[in-house]
Amino acid sequence: MPQQSPRELPEGDPFGAETLPYGVFTTPDAPAHRRIGVRYGAYVLDAAAAAAAHGSAHAELLAAPSLDPLLAAGRATWRAVRAEVRTWLADGRFHALEDVTLHLPFEVADYVDFYASEHHATNVGRIFRPNGEPLTPNWKHLPIGYHGRAGTVVVSGTDVVRPNGQRKAPADDAPTFGPSQRLDIEAEVGFVVGTPSASPVSLGDFREHVFGVCLVNDWSARDIQAWEYVPLGPFLGKSFATSVSAWITPLDAFDEARTTPPERTHPLLPYLDDSGAEPGAIDLRIEVSVNGETISRPPFAAMYWTAAQQLAHMTVNGATLRTGDLFASGTVSGPEPDQLGCLLELTAGKGPYLADGDEVTLTAWAPGPGGSRIGLGEVTGRILPAVGTAAP
């Protein structure tokens, strides 16, 4: 049987010509030569080689060892390069995906994590405040978030070492130190900033600044977090690792998946009022599996706050944007028991949580033109024992 051409994708492949996510890869014969690739099915198009061969005006951008120069080039260039990539699919500058090594595709400048799912926030509030209101008074008025640690954002496939830290159960007289016993996942969606800004970004300018979308697993040590987070919020319980996909799917790929967000129950201040804007929610269907078994299917369309509102709020105080800024949605959860995006919710806070050796994988897709599927690159991570403890 003749070898299948990279141009002949299986029907329904979520990485077809309507998706075309960008990443950075190396090959075994040149392990130090990082180059930009575009995923097409189970293949990687060498974008730099294709651009050079076709005399593209963007060849220098695509010859960079990371996506950073392309991110900084702005929306007009993003759209022009995407159009060119579609024409380059006809030539043979492909590598099999299984033969390349994927790397973190951009340098993470700043990292912000939000708390944008009403279902998640309500479930967590009921677990921690069973006798009070599950949502805090500000929750329906602004997208709550915090600044995370950019230096521990890692690419999919990177092992995650169980963190050590202080823990204190309610019955304990004093805190103890040791490996987290309540290590959790958080299924999230991330947005990668391309064009920087020195002034607030309005809802209408969202597309001018956000390059693309990726899956995020923002690992969480619930016991460390519970002891430290009052009054200043997440710190060591969150900063040890955040896993992102090796592939960044361009924002424009999700035009067909745009949908209306849930009905807002409180009036919004003008800078967050999206009642007259394009539909800001994205119909992404996420799947979470642990050791190969699907445990949840969170729907991103159910998120109360949209990415455009998150970006507007993140910058309204004058905070600047830098190329490579990453902001994530917070845990994605839906209204049904099989739509919860973390083990804390799935087990009502009782566990079990992740064990050493467990491997977690997030995948997702969205509806595309003509019945196609728009894929997001998977995020996978395996738990290793804490430093100083025995291997599983």
Protein backbone atom coordinates (compact mmCIF):
# COMPACT_ATOMS: atom_id res chain seq x y z
CA MET A 1 0.00 0.00 0.00
CA PRO A 2 1.46 3.44 -0.89
CA GLN A 3 2.27 5.78 1.98
CA GLN A 4 -0.55 8.24 2.68
CA SER A 5 0.17 11.80 1.59
CA PRO A 6 0.15 14.43 4.34
CA ARG A 7 -2.46 16.24 2.24
CA GLU A 8 -4.96 13.36 2.57
CA LEU A 9 -6.33 13.70 6.08
CA PRO A 10 -8.88 11.35 7.61
CA GLU A 11 -12.44 12.67 7.48
CA GLY A 12 -13.21 14.79 10.52
CA ASP A 13 -9.57 15.36 11.50
CA PRO A 14 -9.65 18.40 13.82
CA PHE A 15 -6.30 19.64 12.50
CA GLY A 16 -7.27 20.27 8.91
CA ALA A 17 -6.97 23.40 6.77
CA GLU A 18 -9.47 25.32 8.93
CA THR A 19 -7.35 24.90 12.09
CA LEU A 20 -3.61 25.22 11.31
CA PRO A 21 -2.13 25.85 14.76
CA TYR A 22 1.44 27.11 15.22
CA GLY A 23 4.13 25.48 17.30
CA VAL A 24 7.91 25.12 17.63
CA PHE A 25 9.70 21.85 16.91
CA THR A 26 13.08 20.19 16.44
CA THR A 27 14.08 17.07 14.53
CA PRO A 28 16.48 14.29 15.61
CA ASP A 29 19.08 15.33 13.04
CA ALA A 30 19.13 18.94 14.28
CA PRO A 31 18.11 18.92 17.99
CA ALA A 32 19.41 22.45 18.60
CA HIS A 33 17.61 23.98 15.61
CA ARG A 34 14.22 25.16 16.80
CA ARG A 35 11.83 26.16 14.03
CA ILE A 36 8.23 27.17 13.59
CA GLY A 37 5.84 24.51 12.43
CA VAL A 38 2.16 24.36 11.53
CA ARG A 39 0.21 21.26 12.45
CA TYR A 40 -1.76 19.59 9.67
CA GLY A 41 -3.30 16.30 10.74
CA ALA A 42 -0.54 14.03 12.04
CA TYR A 43 2.13 16.11 10.29
CA VAL A 44 4.09 19.29 10.89
CA LEU A 45 4.65 21.72 8.05
CA ASP A 46 8.09 23.33 8.26
CA ALA A 47 6.87 26.92 7.96
CA ALA A 48 10.33 28.46 7.63
CA ALA A 49 11.34 26.12 4.80
CA ALA A 50 8.03 26.64 3.01
CA ALA A 51 8.22 30.43 3.36
CA ALA A 52 11.77 30.49 1.98
CA ALA A 53 10.88 28.20 -0.91
CA HIS A 54 7.90 30.34 -1.90
CA GLY A 55 9.67 33.68 -1.51
CA SER A 56 7.34 34.85 1.25
CA ALA A 57 7.76 38.36 2.59
CA HIS A 58 7.30 36.80 6.03
CA ALA A 59 10.15 34.31 5.73
CA GLU A 60 12.27 36.08 8.33
CA LEU A 61 9.45 35.99 10.91
CA LEU A 62 8.91 32.29 10.34
CA ALA A 63 12.64 31.51 10.53
CA ALA A 64 12.71 32.56 14.19
CA PRO A 65 13.23 29.89 16.90
CA SER A 66 9.96 30.89 18.63
CA LEU A 67 6.61 32.44 17.79
CA ASP A 68 7.53 35.70 19.53
CA PRO A 69 8.33 37.77 16.40
CA LEU A 70 5.19 36.55 14.67
CA LEU A 71 3.11 37.35 17.76
CA ALA A 72 4.49 40.89 17.85
CA ALA A 73 3.86 41.51 14.14
CA GLY A 74 0.15 42.24 14.59
CA ARG A 75 -3.16 41.06 13.24
CA ALA A 76 -2.68 42.05 9.61
CA THR A 77 0.47 39.92 9.45
CA TRP A 78 -1.19 37.03 11.33
CA ARG A 79 -3.96 36.92 8.72
CA ALA A 80 -1.55 37.22 5.79
CA VAL A 81 0.67 34.40 7.07
CA ARG A 82 -2.34 32.16 7.73
CA ALA A 83 -3.50 32.67 4.14
CA GLU A 84 -0.02 31.81 2.85
CA VAL A 85 0.21 28.68 4.99
CA ARG A 86 -2.93 27.33 3.33
CA THR A 87 -1.23 27.55 -0.06
CA TRP A 88 1.93 25.84 1.24
CA LEU A 89 0.03 22.70 2.20
CA ALA A 90 0.29 21.57 -1.40
CA ASP A 91 4.06 21.04 -1.20
CA GLY A 92 5.94 18.32 0.65
CA ARG A 93 7.78 20.11 3.45
CA PHE A 94 6.24 17.94 6.16
CA HIS A 95 7.56 15.95 9.11
CA ALA A 96 5.58 13.22 10.82
CA LEU A 97 4.35 14.52 14.16
CA GLU A 98 5.68 11.41 15.90
CA ASP A 99 9.21 12.15 14.63
CA VAL A 100 9.60 15.66 16.05
CA THR A 101 10.10 17.12 19.53
CA LEU A 102 7.75 19.94 20.49
CA HIS A 103 8.80 22.89 22.65
CA LEU A 104 7.16 25.76 24.52
CA PRO A 105 6.18 27.82 21.47
CA PHE A 106 6.59 31.33 22.93
CA GLU A 107 8.27 33.03 25.85
CA VAL A 108 5.64 33.62 28.51
CA ALA A 109 5.91 37.27 29.55
CA ASP A 110 3.23 37.48 32.26
CA TYR A 111 0.62 34.97 33.37
CA VAL A 112 -2.84 35.80 34.70
CA ASP A 113 -5.39 33.23 35.84
CA PHE A 114 -9.09 34.03 36.10
CA TYR A 115 -12.05 32.47 37.90
CA ALA A 116 -14.66 32.88 35.18
CA SER A 117 -16.99 29.86 35.50
CA GLU A 118 -20.07 30.50 37.61
CA HIS A 119 -20.62 26.77 37.99
CA HIS A 120 -17.06 26.21 39.25
CA ALA A 121 -17.11 29.23 41.59
CA THR A 122 -20.50 28.18 42.98
CA ASN A 123 -19.42 24.58 43.56
CA VAL A 124 -16.20 25.63 45.27
CA GLY A 125 -18.04 28.19 47.37
CA ARG A 126 -20.48 25.54 48.57
CA ILE A 127 -17.59 23.24 49.52
CA PHE A 128 -15.67 25.88 51.48
CA ARG A 129 -18.57 28.02 52.72
CA PRO A 130 -21.44 25.55 53.23
CA ASN A 131 -23.35 27.95 55.45
CA GLY A 132 -22.83 31.08 53.39
CA GLU A 133 -23.34 32.49 49.93
CA PRO A 134 -21.28 30.46 47.44
CA LEU A 135 -20.35 33.49 45.33
CA THR A 136 -18.54 36.49 46.78
CA PRO A 137 -20.36 39.86 46.43
CA ASN A 138 -18.04 41.06 43.64
CA TRP A 139 -18.22 37.92 41.46
CA LYS A 140 -21.03 39.07 39.13
CA HIS A 141 -19.49 42.54 38.71
CA LEU A 142 -15.93 41.79 37.57
CA PRO A 143 -13.81 38.88 36.31
CA ILE A 144 -11.84 37.79 39.37
CA GLY A 145 -8.23 36.83 38.70
CA TYR A 146 -4.71 36.79 40.06
CA HIS A 147 -1.20 37.14 38.67
CA GLY A 148 0.59 33.79 38.47
CA ARG A 149 4.17 32.71 37.88
CA ALA A 150 5.25 32.85 34.23
CA GLY A 151 8.52 31.02 34.88
CA THR A 152 6.84 27.71 35.70
CA VAL A 153 4.59 27.55 32.64
CA VAL A 154 5.69 24.37 30.85
CA VAL A 155 4.85 22.71 27.55
CA SER A 156 2.61 19.67 27.30
CA GLY A 157 4.48 16.42 27.99
CA THR A 158 6.61 17.92 30.76
CA ASP A 159 6.46 15.86 33.96
CA VAL A 160 5.04 17.63 37.02
CA VAL A 161 6.82 17.12 40.34
CA ARG A 162 4.49 16.92 43.32
CA PRO A 163 5.09 20.12 45.31
CA ASN A 164 6.17 20.33 48.93
CA GLY A 165 4.73 22.96 51.21
CA GLN A 166 2.95 23.84 54.42
CA ARG A 167 -0.36 22.12 55.09
CA LYS A 168 -2.76 22.41 58.02
CA ALA A 169 -5.94 20.45 58.57
CA PRO A 170 -8.65 22.14 60.68
CA ALA A 171 -8.03 19.72 63.57
CA ASP A 172 -4.26 20.26 63.60
CA ASP A 173 -2.69 22.59 66.16
CA ALA A 174 0.12 23.67 63.84
CA PRO A 175 1.07 23.33 60.17
CA THR A 176 3.23 20.50 58.87
CA PHE A 177 5.60 20.45 55.90
CA GLY A 178 5.70 17.84 53.17
CA PRO A 179 4.35 16.71 49.80
CA SER A 180 0.87 17.87 48.83
CA GLN A 181 -1.70 15.17 49.52
CA ARG A 182 -4.45 16.90 47.53
CA LEU A 183 -2.89 17.48 44.12
CA ASP A 184 -5.52 18.50 41.59
CA ILE A 185 -6.05 19.50 37.97
CA GLU A 186 -7.76 22.56 36.56
CA ALA A 187 -9.03 22.27 32.98
CA GLU A 188 -8.72 25.74 31.47
CA VAL A 189 -8.47 27.62 28.18
CA GLY A 190 -5.61 30.05 27.60
CA PHE A 191 -5.29 33.12 25.39
CA VAL A 192 -1.93 34.29 24.03
CA VAL A 193 -1.30 38.01 23.55
CA GLY A 194 0.50 39.13 20.44
CA THR A 195 0.28 42.90 20.02
CA PRO A 196 1.37 44.83 23.13
CA SER A 197 -0.55 47.76 24.55
CA ALA A 198 0.29 50.65 26.87
CA SER A 199 -3.35 51.60 27.45
CA PRO A 200 -6.60 49.82 28.36
CA VAL A 201 -7.89 47.38 25.74
CA SER A 202 -11.59 47.73 24.97
CA LEU A 203 -13.89 44.82 24.20
CA GLY A 204 -13.86 45.82 20.54
CA ASP A 205 -10.05 45.67 20.33
CA PHE A 206 -9.75 42.13 21.66
CA ARG A 207 -8.96 40.65 18.23
CA GLU A 208 -6.20 43.22 17.65
CA HIS A 209 -4.22 41.94 20.61
CA VAL A 210 -4.95 38.23 21.07
CA PHE A 211 -3.13 35.93 18.67
CA GLY A 212 -4.50 32.54 19.60
CA VAL A 213 -5.95 29.97 21.95
CA CYS A 214 -4.53 26.95 23.77
CA LEU A 215 -5.50 24.45 26.43
CA VAL A 216 -4.14 24.93 29.95
CA ASN A 217 -3.89 22.63 32.96
CA ASP A 218 -3.26 24.88 35.95
CA TRP A 219 -2.24 22.25 38.50
CA SER A 220 -3.33 22.99 42.05
CA ALA A 221 -2.14 21.72 45.45
CA ARG A 222 -5.40 22.13 47.34
CA ASP A 223 -4.01 21.52 50.83
CA ILE A 224 -1.16 24.01 50.41
CA GLN A 225 -3.56 26.47 48.81
CA ALA A 226 -6.18 26.18 51.56
CA TRP A 227 -3.67 27.07 54.30
CA GLU A 228 -1.96 29.96 52.52
CA TYR A 229 -4.59 31.72 50.45
CA VAL A 230 -6.25 33.87 53.13
CA PRO A 231 -5.96 36.85 52.85
CA LEU A 232 -3.88 37.32 49.69
CA GLY A 233 -4.95 34.43 47.47
CA PRO A 234 -3.12 31.69 45.50
CA PHE A 235 0.64 31.43 45.89
CA LEU A 236 2.74 28.26 46.35
CA GLY A 237 -0.29 26.02 45.88
CA LYS A 238 -0.47 27.17 42.26
CA SER A 239 2.97 28.39 41.21
CA PHE A 240 4.82 25.07 40.90
CA ALA A 241 3.55 24.21 37.38
CA THR A 242 1.10 25.30 34.71
CA SER A 243 0.98 23.13 31.58
CA VAL A 244 0.07 24.55 28.16
CA SER A 245 -0.36 23.02 24.75
CA ALA A 246 2.52 22.93 22.30
CA TRP A 247 0.11 24.29 19.65
CA ILE A 248 -1.47 27.75 19.55
CA THR A 249 -4.61 27.79 17.39
CA PRO A 250 -5.21 31.23 15.79
CA LEU A 251 -8.16 33.14 17.19
CA ASP A 252 -9.64 33.56 13.70
CA ALA A 253 -10.08 29.78 13.45
CA PHE A 254 -12.94 30.00 15.97
CA ASP A 255 -15.24 32.38 14.07
CA GLU A 256 -17.82 29.65 13.46
CA ALA A 257 -17.71 28.65 17.13
CA ARG A 258 -18.64 32.09 18.46
CA THR A 259 -21.74 31.95 20.63
CA THR A 260 -23.68 34.08 23.11
CA PRO A 261 -22.45 33.84 26.71
CA PRO A 262 -24.84 32.96 29.55
CA GLU A 263 -27.39 35.59 30.52
CA ARG A 264 -25.88 38.13 32.89
CA THR A 265 -27.89 38.58 36.07
CA HIS A 266 -26.34 41.88 37.17
CA PRO A 267 -25.85 45.15 35.23
CA LEU A 268 -22.27 45.56 34.01
CA LEU A 269 -20.17 48.69 34.02
CA PRO A 270 -19.67 50.14 30.51
CA TYR A 271 -16.16 48.78 29.96
CA LEU A 272 -17.44 45.22 30.57
CA ASP A 273 -20.85 45.55 28.91
CA ASP A 274 -20.74 43.30 25.85
CA SER A 275 -24.47 43.36 25.08
CA GLY A 276 -23.78 45.15 21.79
CA ALA A 277 -20.54 43.35 20.91
CA GLU A 278 -19.95 40.24 18.81
CA PRO A 279 -20.78 37.02 20.67
CA GLY A 280 -17.89 36.61 23.07
CA ALA A 281 -18.25 33.00 24.15
CA ILE A 282 -16.57 30.15 22.24
CA ASP A 283 -18.22 26.75 21.87
CA LEU A 284 -15.25 24.61 22.90
CA ARG A 285 -15.88 21.02 24.01
CA ILE A 286 -13.17 19.89 26.43
CA GLU A 287 -12.41 16.35 27.53
CA VAL A 288 -10.41 15.46 30.63
CA SER A 289 -8.88 12.02 31.06
CA VAL A 290 -6.77 10.47 33.84
CA ASN A 291 -4.69 7.44 32.90
CA GLY A 292 -6.65 7.10 29.67
CA GLU A 293 -10.11 7.18 31.27
CA THR A 294 -12.41 10.12 30.52
CA ILE A 295 -13.61 11.69 33.75
CA SER A 296 -15.23 14.92 32.56
CA ARG A 297 -16.36 16.94 29.51
CA PRO A 298 -16.46 20.61 30.53
CA PRO A 299 -18.23 23.03 28.12
CA PHE A 300 -16.35 26.31 27.60
CA ALA A 301 -19.48 28.00 26.20
CA ALA A 302 -20.93 28.00 29.74
CA MET A 303 -18.31 30.45 31.08
CA TYR A 304 -19.93 33.55 32.61
CA TRP A 305 -17.07 35.91 31.75
CA THR A 306 -15.60 35.95 28.23
CA ALA A 307 -11.94 36.30 27.28
CA ALA A 308 -12.62 39.77 25.87
CA GLN A 309 -14.06 40.88 29.21
CA GLN A 310 -11.10 39.36 31.03
CA LEU A 311 -8.64 41.28 28.84
CA ALA A 312 -10.60 44.53 29.25
CA HIS A 313 -10.62 44.16 33.01
CA MET A 314 -6.97 43.10 33.15
CA THR A 315 -5.91 46.35 31.45
CA VAL A 316 -8.53 48.88 32.61
CA ASN A 317 -6.30 50.15 35.42
CA GLY A 318 -3.52 50.98 32.98
CA ALA A 319 -1.65 47.68 33.20
CA THR A 320 0.35 47.15 30.02
CA LEU A 321 0.28 44.15 27.71
CA ARG A 322 3.45 42.50 26.47
CA THR A 323 3.95 40.11 23.60
CA GLY A 324 3.72 36.62 25.08
CA ASP A 325 1.35 37.48 27.91
CA LEU A 326 -0.82 34.48 28.73
CA PHE A 327 -4.15 34.68 30.48
CA ALA A 328 -6.28 31.67 31.34
CA SER A 329 -9.99 31.28 31.93
CA GLY A 330 -9.88 29.54 35.26
CA THR A 331 -11.41 26.11 35.74
CA VAL A 332 -14.06 25.32 33.13
CA SER A 333 -17.11 23.61 34.61
CA GLY A 334 -20.67 23.11 33.41
CA PRO A 335 -23.96 22.51 35.21
CA GLU A 336 -23.91 18.69 34.98
CA PRO A 337 -22.01 16.22 37.21
CA ASP A 338 -19.91 15.00 34.25
CA GLN A 339 -18.93 18.56 33.25
CA LEU A 340 -16.74 19.53 36.20
CA GLY A 341 -13.20 20.66 35.47
CA CYS A 342 -11.30 19.63 38.62
CA LEU A 343 -11.15 16.78 41.12
CA LEU A 344 -12.15 19.12 43.96
CA GLU A 345 -15.58 19.46 42.34
CA LEU A 346 -15.82 15.94 40.96
CA THR A 347 -15.32 14.46 44.44
CA ALA A 348 -17.07 17.25 46.42
CA GLY A 349 -13.76 17.98 48.13
CA LYS A 350 -13.35 14.47 49.51
CA GLY A 351 -10.87 13.05 47.00
CA PRO A 352 -9.15 10.95 45.89
CA TYR A 353 -6.76 13.37 44.26
CA LEU A 354 -3.85 12.64 41.94
CA ALA A 355 -1.40 9.88 42.81
CA ASP A 356 2.24 9.69 41.76
CA GLY A 357 2.44 8.22 38.30
CA ASP A 358 -1.00 9.49 37.22
CA GLU A 359 -1.12 11.03 33.75
CA VAL A 360 -3.69 13.73 32.93
CA THR A 361 -4.63 14.69 29.37
CA LEU A 362 -6.86 17.54 28.17
CA THR A 363 -8.20 17.67 24.61
CA ALA A 364 -10.76 19.95 22.97
CA TRP A 365 -12.43 20.89 19.71
CA ALA A 366 -14.88 23.48 18.44
CA PRO A 367 -17.28 23.48 15.47
CA GLY A 368 -15.79 24.91 12.28
CA PRO A 369 -16.98 25.83 8.76
CA GLY A 370 -18.96 23.26 6.81
CA GLY A 371 -19.21 20.76 9.64
CA SER A 372 -15.43 20.67 10.23
CA ARG A 373 -13.82 20.53 13.66
CA ILE A 374 -11.29 23.03 15.00
CA GLY A 375 -8.80 21.29 17.27
CA LEU A 376 -6.79 22.47 20.22
CA GLY A 377 -3.48 20.74 20.86
CA GLU A 378 -3.64 18.38 23.82
CA VAL A 379 -2.10 19.08 27.22
CA THR A 380 -0.56 16.10 28.99
CA GLY A 381 1.37 15.84 32.25
CA ARG A 382 2.47 12.98 34.48
CA ILE A 383 2.90 13.31 38.23
CA LEU A 384 6.34 12.53 39.66
CA PRO A 385 7.01 12.08 43.40
CA ALA A 386 7.96 15.10 45.46
CA VAL A 387 11.66 15.77 45.82
CA GLY A 388 13.08 13.57 48.55
CA THR A 389 10.37 10.90 48.35
CA ALA A 390 10.46 7.42 46.87
CA ALA A 391 9.44 6.71 43.30
CA PRO A 392 6.05 4.98 42.75
